[in-house]
Amino acid sequence: MPVKKVITSEKQPIKAWIDNIEAGALAQAQNLANLPFIHRHVALMPDTHQGYGMPIGGVIATTDMVIPNAVGVDIGCGMGAVQTSLSEITPEKLRQTMAVVRKKIPLGFKHHRRPQDERLMPKSPVPVSQLPVISEEYRNALYQLGTLGGGNHFIEIQKGNDGHIWLMVHSGSRNLGYKVANYFNRLAARLNLEQGSRVPPNWQLAYLAVDSPMGRSYMQAMQYCVEFAYANRDLMMTRLKESLQEVIGPVTFAPMINIAHNYAALEEHYGKKVIVHRKGATRALAGEIGIIPGSQGTPSYLVRGLGNPESFHSCSHGAGRKMGRKQAQRQLNLEEEKKRLDEQGIIHAIRSRGDLDEAAGAYKEIDRVISDQLDLVEVLVELHPLAVIKG
């Protein structure tokens, strides 16, 4: 299916793989399309919804500029997936495994009581002491390495239609990325004001020139956070595999598929070197393997990218929210959401009304999201949730 909608009312076009764009997300996309350094167009994936400054599910390419809010506060957030040698697992073994996982992996705002092995931290091309925020937060990050975080982050055990049991982790750069994002966004806002930028401050799209000292500093710190987020998922996946082996016995594992969906990177598109910002979007180069998760009551998908230039070689990062967190807690029916999961036999994380922000009913239909981007990716494996831990 080709692009579903092209909006031409702004300085640059907006190409959307989504029919009904919520008003807040559309307004943010229009702001992006009017930036003086936007390259070609703005791309909106099928899971697009409103974020800070830039819609989640948005992709832009910029000339010589980087926008911290177009990456977001959870820099490097992404997915890890591992195929196991198991073809079946009983509900009792699932519960036992998840109980072990909860002991090994701190959830929500919890950190480790002891620092983790420093050798697991990313290697930086410049000394960490020269990276703003990273240098101050490095010791704290050692306690956060291998922790899930809150919100929509999750650990799942899944059954694939390839006949295998799979392990999946969704998490990011924890407090490290949050502090880096806020520091550089505030810095960019101040510099833009001092320099008389024509971009209105209320757009929340403060920017830095990538060849400026502050722009280079942000790119270095951001990349460190991307690699920290990968190291974080890798350690959690190691602990998840250990937990499964403690309960099941010998199990073998394929290499982890790892993808990020909040970052900016220098790439070439339409014959020009540009900074591609993916905020809640996954790179989908031709042949590249990606992960598009659903909610805790719906399938996730392993996909292969088709390298579509119109999306800047990108696809969605998940189902995308159709309700805000507070709205979901107010409007969704707790018993109905629990019943939806119980009838599927999913060991889930819905206990009280406060958990409804991550109920399946708060998210768009993942099947529709997938069908709306079949010109961006092809589906390889469908993964159905068996047991879920939410942050």
Protein backbone atom coordinates (compact mmCIF):
# COMPACT_ATOMS: atom_id res chain seq x y z
CA MET A 1 0.00 0.00 0.00
CA PRO A 2 1.44 3.40 -0.93
CA VAL A 3 1.41 6.59 1.15
CA LYS A 4 -2.14 7.04 2.42
CA LYS A 5 -2.19 10.82 2.59
CA VAL A 6 -0.06 13.71 1.33
CA ILE A 7 -0.60 17.13 2.90
CA THR A 8 0.69 20.01 0.79
CA SER A 9 -0.53 23.03 2.75
CA GLU A 10 2.85 23.75 4.36
CA LYS A 11 6.32 24.76 3.14
CA GLN A 12 7.24 21.09 2.67
CA PRO A 13 4.84 18.15 2.13
CA ILE A 14 3.74 15.78 4.89
CA LYS A 15 3.55 12.15 3.76
CA ALA A 16 1.45 10.00 6.07
CA TRP A 17 0.94 6.24 6.27
CA ILE A 18 -2.06 6.90 8.53
CA ASP A 19 -5.61 7.97 7.62
CA ASN A 20 -6.75 9.76 10.75
CA ILE A 21 -4.01 11.90 12.28
CA GLU A 22 -4.98 13.29 15.69
CA ALA A 23 -5.12 17.08 15.78
CA GLY A 24 -2.15 17.54 18.11
CA ALA A 25 0.11 15.28 16.06
CA LEU A 26 -0.96 16.98 12.83
CA ALA A 27 -0.19 20.43 14.24
CA GLN A 28 3.28 19.22 15.26
CA ALA A 29 3.87 17.74 11.80
CA GLN A 30 2.85 21.06 10.23
CA ASN A 31 5.37 22.88 12.43
CA LEU A 32 8.08 20.47 11.28
CA ALA A 33 7.13 20.96 7.65
CA ASN A 34 7.70 24.72 8.04
CA LEU A 35 11.20 24.50 9.52
CA PRO A 36 13.74 26.18 7.21
CA PHE A 37 16.10 23.21 7.22
CA ILE A 38 13.68 20.32 6.58
CA HIS A 39 14.84 18.09 3.70
CA ARG A 40 12.17 17.02 1.17
CA HIS A 41 9.19 16.20 3.43
CA VAL A 42 7.93 15.01 6.81
CA ALA A 43 7.04 11.30 7.12
CA LEU A 44 4.41 10.00 9.55
CA MET A 45 4.27 6.28 10.31
CA PRO A 46 1.00 4.36 10.92
CA ASP A 47 1.44 4.52 14.72
CA THR A 48 1.78 8.33 14.83
CA HIS A 49 0.48 10.18 17.89
CA GLN A 50 1.30 13.43 19.66
CA GLY A 51 4.60 13.84 21.49
CA TYR A 52 6.69 16.77 22.72
CA GLY A 53 7.57 19.02 19.78
CA MET A 54 7.51 16.18 17.23
CA PRO A 55 4.94 13.40 16.87
CA ILE A 56 5.90 9.95 18.06
CA GLY A 57 5.99 7.90 14.89
CA GLY A 58 7.53 10.78 12.95
CA VAL A 59 10.60 10.82 10.72
CA ILE A 60 12.36 13.91 9.41
CA ALA A 61 15.61 14.64 7.61
CA THR A 62 17.33 17.96 8.29
CA THR A 63 20.15 19.82 6.62
CA ASP A 64 23.02 20.64 9.02
CA MET A 65 20.78 20.80 12.11
CA VAL A 66 19.82 18.42 14.93
CA ILE A 67 16.69 18.81 17.09
CA PRO A 68 16.89 17.16 20.55
CA ASN A 69 13.09 17.04 20.88
CA ALA A 70 12.91 15.23 17.52
CA VAL A 71 14.83 12.39 19.16
CA GLY A 72 13.00 12.54 22.49
CA VAL A 73 13.85 11.96 26.12
CA ASP A 74 14.33 8.18 26.01
CA ILE A 75 17.29 8.26 23.65
CA GLY A 76 18.04 4.88 22.09
CA CYS A 77 14.85 3.26 23.33
CA GLY A 78 14.27 0.15 21.30
CA MET A 79 13.63 -3.56 21.07
CA GLY A 80 15.59 -6.76 21.58
CA ALA A 81 14.30 -10.18 20.48
CA VAL A 82 15.81 -13.65 20.78
CA GLN A 83 14.61 -16.93 19.30
CA THR A 84 14.96 -19.88 21.70
CA SER A 85 15.32 -23.60 20.95
CA LEU A 86 12.04 -24.25 22.79
CA SER A 87 8.85 -25.03 20.89
CA GLU A 88 6.54 -25.11 23.93
CA ILE A 89 6.41 -23.89 27.52
CA THR A 90 3.73 -24.60 30.13
CA PRO A 91 1.86 -21.87 32.03
CA GLU A 92 3.44 -23.06 35.26
CA LYS A 93 6.95 -22.79 33.82
CA LEU A 94 6.08 -19.35 32.48
CA ARG A 95 5.02 -18.17 35.94
CA GLN A 96 8.15 -19.62 37.52
CA THR A 97 10.36 -17.98 34.91
CA MET A 98 8.73 -14.58 35.37
CA ALA A 99 9.13 -14.87 39.14
CA VAL A 100 12.88 -15.40 38.67
CA VAL A 101 13.03 -12.51 36.20
CA ARG A 102 11.48 -10.15 38.77
CA LYS A 103 14.30 -11.01 41.17
CA LYS A 104 17.03 -10.45 38.58
CA ILE A 105 15.76 -7.35 36.75
CA PRO A 106 14.69 -4.18 38.63
CA LEU A 107 11.41 -2.78 37.27
CA GLY A 108 9.90 0.69 37.14
CA PHE A 109 11.94 3.27 39.01
CA LYS A 110 14.05 0.63 40.78
CA HIS A 111 17.80 0.34 40.22
CA HIS A 112 20.35 -2.30 41.19
CA ARG A 113 21.67 -2.14 44.74
CA ARG A 114 25.20 -2.57 43.45
CA PRO A 115 26.92 -1.12 40.36
CA GLN A 116 27.06 -3.47 37.38
CA ASP A 117 30.26 -4.54 35.64
CA GLU A 118 31.84 -1.41 34.15
CA ARG A 119 33.11 -3.47 31.20
CA LEU A 120 29.48 -3.66 29.99
CA MET A 121 29.30 0.11 29.56
CA PRO A 122 29.67 1.60 26.05
CA LYS A 123 33.09 2.52 24.74
CA SER A 124 33.20 6.18 23.79
CA PRO A 125 35.37 7.57 20.93
CA VAL A 126 35.97 10.62 23.13
CA PRO A 127 36.72 10.46 26.87
CA VAL A 128 33.54 10.23 28.93
CA SER A 129 34.89 13.13 31.01
CA GLN A 130 34.39 15.35 27.94
CA LEU A 131 30.71 14.46 27.49
CA PRO A 132 28.29 16.80 29.30
CA VAL A 133 25.80 15.02 31.56
CA ILE A 134 27.32 11.59 30.75
CA SER A 135 30.36 12.41 32.89
CA GLU A 136 28.18 13.51 35.84
CA GLU A 137 25.74 10.59 35.53
CA TYR A 138 28.20 7.81 34.71
CA ARG A 139 28.32 6.32 38.23
CA ASN A 140 24.54 6.39 38.54
CA ALA A 141 24.25 4.70 35.14
CA LEU A 142 26.18 1.70 36.47
CA TYR A 143 23.27 1.08 38.86
CA GLN A 144 20.71 1.50 36.05
CA LEU A 145 22.36 -0.87 33.57
CA GLY A 146 20.14 -3.92 33.14
CA THR A 147 16.95 -2.32 34.50
CA LEU A 148 13.62 -2.09 32.70
CA GLY A 149 12.20 1.32 33.54
CA GLY A 150 8.50 2.19 33.54
CA GLY A 151 5.77 3.26 31.13
CA ASN A 152 5.43 1.07 28.05
CA HIS A 153 8.68 -0.82 28.61
CA PHE A 154 8.18 -4.56 28.89
CA ILE A 155 9.62 -8.06 29.05
CA GLU A 156 7.70 -10.76 27.18
CA ILE A 157 7.87 -14.46 26.47
CA GLN A 158 6.15 -15.17 23.16
CA LYS A 159 5.19 -18.00 20.81
CA GLY A 160 6.12 -17.42 17.19
CA ASN A 161 4.33 -18.79 14.17
CA ASP A 162 7.76 -20.14 13.22
CA GLY A 163 7.26 -22.77 15.94
CA HIS A 164 9.71 -21.24 18.44
CA ILE A 165 9.38 -19.59 21.84
CA TRP A 166 10.82 -16.06 21.73
CA LEU A 167 12.08 -13.59 24.33
CA MET A 168 11.54 -9.85 23.87
CA VAL A 169 12.64 -6.73 25.76
CA HIS A 170 11.57 -3.12 25.19
CA SER A 171 13.60 -0.52 27.07
CA GLY A 172 15.83 2.52 26.67
CA SER A 173 18.60 4.61 28.19
CA ARG A 174 16.90 5.15 31.55
CA ASN A 175 17.71 8.35 33.46
CA LEU A 176 20.92 8.88 31.47
CA GLY A 177 19.11 9.57 28.21
CA TYR A 178 16.43 11.62 29.94
CA LYS A 179 18.98 13.98 31.45
CA VAL A 180 21.00 14.28 28.24
CA ALA A 181 17.84 15.11 26.27
CA ASN A 182 16.65 17.77 28.71
CA TYR A 183 20.09 19.36 29.07
CA PHE A 184 20.60 19.82 25.34
CA ASN A 185 17.00 20.85 24.64
CA ARG A 186 17.28 23.64 27.22
CA LEU A 187 20.67 24.63 25.81
CA ALA A 188 19.32 24.72 22.25
CA ALA A 189 16.30 26.79 23.33
CA ARG A 190 18.57 29.36 24.99
CA LEU A 191 20.93 29.55 22.01
CA ASN A 192 18.03 29.90 19.55
CA LEU A 193 16.64 32.78 21.60
CA GLU A 194 20.02 34.51 21.75
CA GLN A 195 20.53 34.06 18.00
CA GLY A 196 17.09 35.39 17.11
CA SER A 197 15.78 32.15 15.60
CA ARG A 198 12.60 32.46 13.55
CA VAL A 199 11.33 29.12 14.89
CA PRO A 200 8.71 29.94 17.58
CA PRO A 201 9.71 28.65 21.05
CA ASN A 202 6.25 27.18 21.60
CA TRP A 203 6.88 24.71 18.78
CA GLN A 204 9.33 22.95 21.17
CA LEU A 205 11.72 22.36 18.25
CA ALA A 206 14.89 24.07 19.44
CA TYR A 207 17.87 23.04 17.29
CA LEU A 208 21.65 22.95 17.19
CA ALA A 209 23.98 23.20 14.20
CA VAL A 210 25.65 19.79 13.91
CA ASP A 211 29.04 21.35 13.07
CA SER A 212 28.93 23.64 16.14
CA PRO A 213 30.65 22.65 19.41
CA MET A 214 27.27 22.12 21.12
CA GLY A 215 25.86 20.24 18.15
CA ARG A 216 28.84 17.89 18.08
CA SER A 217 28.60 17.46 21.84
CA TYR A 218 24.92 16.50 21.58
CA MET A 219 25.56 13.99 18.79
CA GLN A 220 28.33 12.36 20.84
CA ALA A 221 26.27 12.23 24.04
CA MET A 222 23.20 11.01 22.13
CA GLN A 223 25.19 8.21 20.49
CA TYR A 224 26.55 7.18 23.88
CA CYS A 225 22.96 6.94 25.16
CA VAL A 226 21.94 4.85 22.13
CA GLU A 227 24.75 2.42 22.92
CA PHE A 228 23.93 2.47 26.64
CA ALA A 229 20.32 1.57 25.79
CA TYR A 230 21.61 -1.36 23.73
CA ALA A 231 23.87 -2.48 26.59
CA ASN A 232 20.89 -2.18 28.94
CA ARG A 233 18.71 -4.43 26.75
CA ASP A 234 21.58 -6.85 26.23
CA LEU A 235 22.13 -7.31 29.98
CA MET A 236 18.41 -7.73 30.63
CA MET A 237 18.23 -10.30 27.84
CA THR A 238 21.16 -12.16 29.42
CA ARG A 239 19.31 -12.23 32.76
CA LEU A 240 16.08 -13.28 31.01
CA LYS A 241 17.88 -16.18 29.33
CA GLU A 242 19.44 -17.18 32.65
CA SER A 243 16.00 -17.13 34.28
CA LEU A 244 14.55 -19.39 31.60
CA GLN A 245 17.44 -21.84 31.93
CA GLU A 246 17.08 -21.95 35.73
CA VAL A 247 13.46 -23.06 35.32
CA ILE A 248 13.56 -25.14 32.12
CA GLY A 249 17.09 -26.51 32.00
CA PRO A 250 19.31 -26.44 28.89
CA VAL A 251 18.04 -23.99 26.25
CA THR A 252 19.95 -22.54 23.32
CA PHE A 253 19.45 -19.06 21.90
CA ALA A 254 19.90 -17.34 18.55
CA PRO A 255 21.76 -13.98 18.48
CA MET A 256 19.71 -11.02 19.67
CA ILE A 257 17.99 -8.82 17.12
CA ASN A 258 18.42 -5.26 18.40
CA ILE A 259 16.88 -2.08 17.01
CA ALA A 260 16.51 1.46 18.34
CA HIS A 261 13.63 3.78 17.58
CA ASN A 262 14.63 7.15 19.17
CA TYR A 263 17.78 8.65 17.65
CA ALA A 264 19.30 10.88 14.97
CA ALA A 265 21.94 9.75 12.48
CA LEU A 266 23.86 11.05 9.47
CA GLU A 267 22.48 9.29 6.36
CA GLU A 268 22.13 9.95 2.65
CA HIS A 269 18.64 10.46 1.23
CA TYR A 270 17.66 11.76 -2.20
CA GLY A 271 21.34 12.29 -2.98
CA LYS A 272 22.13 14.47 0.04
CA LYS A 273 23.82 13.91 3.39
CA VAL A 274 21.24 14.72 6.07
CA ILE A 275 20.49 14.13 9.74
CA VAL A 276 17.59 11.66 9.95
CA HIS A 277 15.58 11.92 13.16
CA ARG A 278 13.49 8.88 14.05
CA LYS A 279 11.23 9.49 17.04
CA GLY A 280 9.24 6.37 17.71
CA ALA A 281 10.21 5.02 14.29
CA THR A 282 12.41 2.12 13.22
CA ARG A 283 14.99 2.07 10.43
CA ALA A 284 13.89 -0.25 7.63
CA LEU A 285 16.70 -0.46 5.07
CA ALA A 286 16.19 -2.98 2.28
CA GLY A 287 16.74 -6.40 3.87
CA GLU A 288 17.14 -5.05 7.41
CA ILE A 289 15.40 -7.05 10.17
CA GLY A 290 13.23 -5.01 12.52
CA ILE A 291 10.76 -5.48 15.36
CA ILE A 292 7.30 -3.93 15.58
CA PRO A 293 5.71 -4.78 18.95
CA GLY A 294 2.01 -4.78 19.71
CA SER A 295 0.37 -4.28 23.09
CA GLN A 296 0.40 -6.88 25.86
CA GLY A 297 -2.76 -8.41 24.39
CA THR A 298 -1.78 -8.45 20.71
CA PRO A 299 0.96 -9.94 18.52
CA SER A 300 4.36 -8.43 17.81
CA TYR A 301 6.08 -8.80 14.45
CA LEU A 302 9.53 -9.43 13.10
CA VAL A 303 9.77 -7.64 9.77
CA ARG A 304 12.19 -7.14 6.91
CA GLY A 305 12.68 -3.61 5.60
CA LEU A 306 11.93 -2.75 1.99
CA GLY A 307 14.07 0.41 1.88
CA ASN A 308 11.28 2.77 0.85
CA PRO A 309 12.84 6.20 0.17
CA GLU A 310 9.58 8.09 0.86
CA SER A 311 9.71 7.03 4.54
CA PHE A 312 13.46 7.76 4.70
CA HIS A 313 13.90 3.97 4.97
CA SER A 314 11.74 3.78 8.12
CA CYS A 315 8.69 2.01 9.53
CA SER A 316 6.57 2.18 12.69
CA HIS A 317 8.00 1.33 16.10
CA GLY A 318 4.85 -0.28 17.49
CA ALA A 319 1.08 -0.07 17.55
CA GLY A 320 0.99 3.51 18.82
CA ARG A 321 -1.29 4.91 21.49
CA LYS A 322 -4.89 5.82 20.73
CA MET A 323 -5.49 7.03 24.32
CA GLY A 324 -3.36 9.10 26.66
CA ARG A 325 -2.35 7.40 29.90
CA LYS A 326 -4.80 9.27 32.13
CA GLN A 327 -7.57 8.92 29.55
CA ALA A 328 -7.08 5.13 29.45
CA GLN A 329 -7.21 4.91 33.25
CA ARG A 330 -10.46 6.90 33.26
CA GLN A 331 -12.26 5.33 30.32
CA LEU A 332 -11.21 1.69 29.97
CA ASN A 333 -13.07 -1.06 31.83
CA LEU A 334 -10.69 -2.93 34.14
CA GLU A 335 -12.61 -6.22 34.12
CA GLU A 336 -13.02 -6.19 30.34
CA GLU A 337 -9.32 -5.57 29.80
CA LYS A 338 -8.37 -8.37 32.19
CA LYS A 339 -10.89 -10.70 30.55
CA ARG A 340 -9.46 -9.93 27.10
CA LEU A 341 -6.04 -11.15 28.27
CA ASP A 342 -7.27 -14.01 30.47
CA GLU A 343 -9.29 -15.51 27.61
CA GLN A 344 -6.10 -15.68 25.55
CA GLY A 345 -4.27 -17.36 28.42
CA ILE A 346 -1.77 -14.49 28.67
CA ILE A 347 0.01 -14.07 32.00
CA HIS A 348 -0.30 -10.29 32.12
CA ALA A 349 0.39 -7.18 34.17
CA ILE A 350 -3.13 -5.69 34.54
CA ARG A 351 -3.96 -5.70 38.25
CA SER A 352 -5.67 -2.40 39.04
CA ARG A 353 -7.13 0.67 37.36
CA GLY A 354 -3.70 2.29 37.55
CA ASP A 355 -2.43 -0.36 35.11
CA LEU A 356 -4.95 0.51 32.41
CA ASP A 357 -2.56 3.02 30.82
CA GLU A 358 -0.79 -0.03 29.37
CA ALA A 359 -3.89 -2.09 28.61
CA ALA A 360 -4.41 -3.36 25.07
CA GLY A 361 -7.41 -1.07 24.71
CA ALA A 362 -5.15 2.00 25.03
CA TYR A 363 -3.38 1.11 21.77
CA LYS A 364 -4.20 1.13 18.08
CA GLU A 365 -4.93 -2.16 16.33
CA ILE A 366 -1.53 -3.60 15.48
CA ASP A 367 -2.89 -5.58 12.51
CA ARG A 368 -4.09 -2.34 10.90
CA VAL A 369 -0.78 -0.64 11.67
CA ILE A 370 1.07 -3.48 9.92
CA SER A 371 -1.27 -3.54 6.90
CA ASP A 372 -0.85 0.23 6.45
CA GLN A 373 2.91 -0.12 5.89
CA LEU A 374 3.31 -3.11 3.62
CA ASP A 375 5.21 -0.86 1.23
CA LEU A 376 7.75 -0.26 4.04
CA VAL A 377 8.23 -3.78 5.46
CA GLU A 378 7.32 -7.40 4.91
CA VAL A 379 6.31 -9.60 7.86
CA LEU A 380 8.61 -12.51 8.69
CA VAL A 381 7.34 -13.87 12.03
CA GLU A 382 4.20 -13.20 14.07
CA LEU A 383 4.81 -13.44 17.83
CA HIS A 384 1.93 -13.97 20.27
CA PRO A 385 2.39 -12.97 23.93
CA LEU A 386 2.40 -15.75 26.53
CA ALA A 387 3.64 -13.85 29.60
CA VAL A 388 4.24 -10.13 30.10
CA ILE A 389 6.04 -8.00 32.69
CA LYS A 390 5.42 -4.24 32.41
CA GLY A 391 7.64 -1.60 33.94
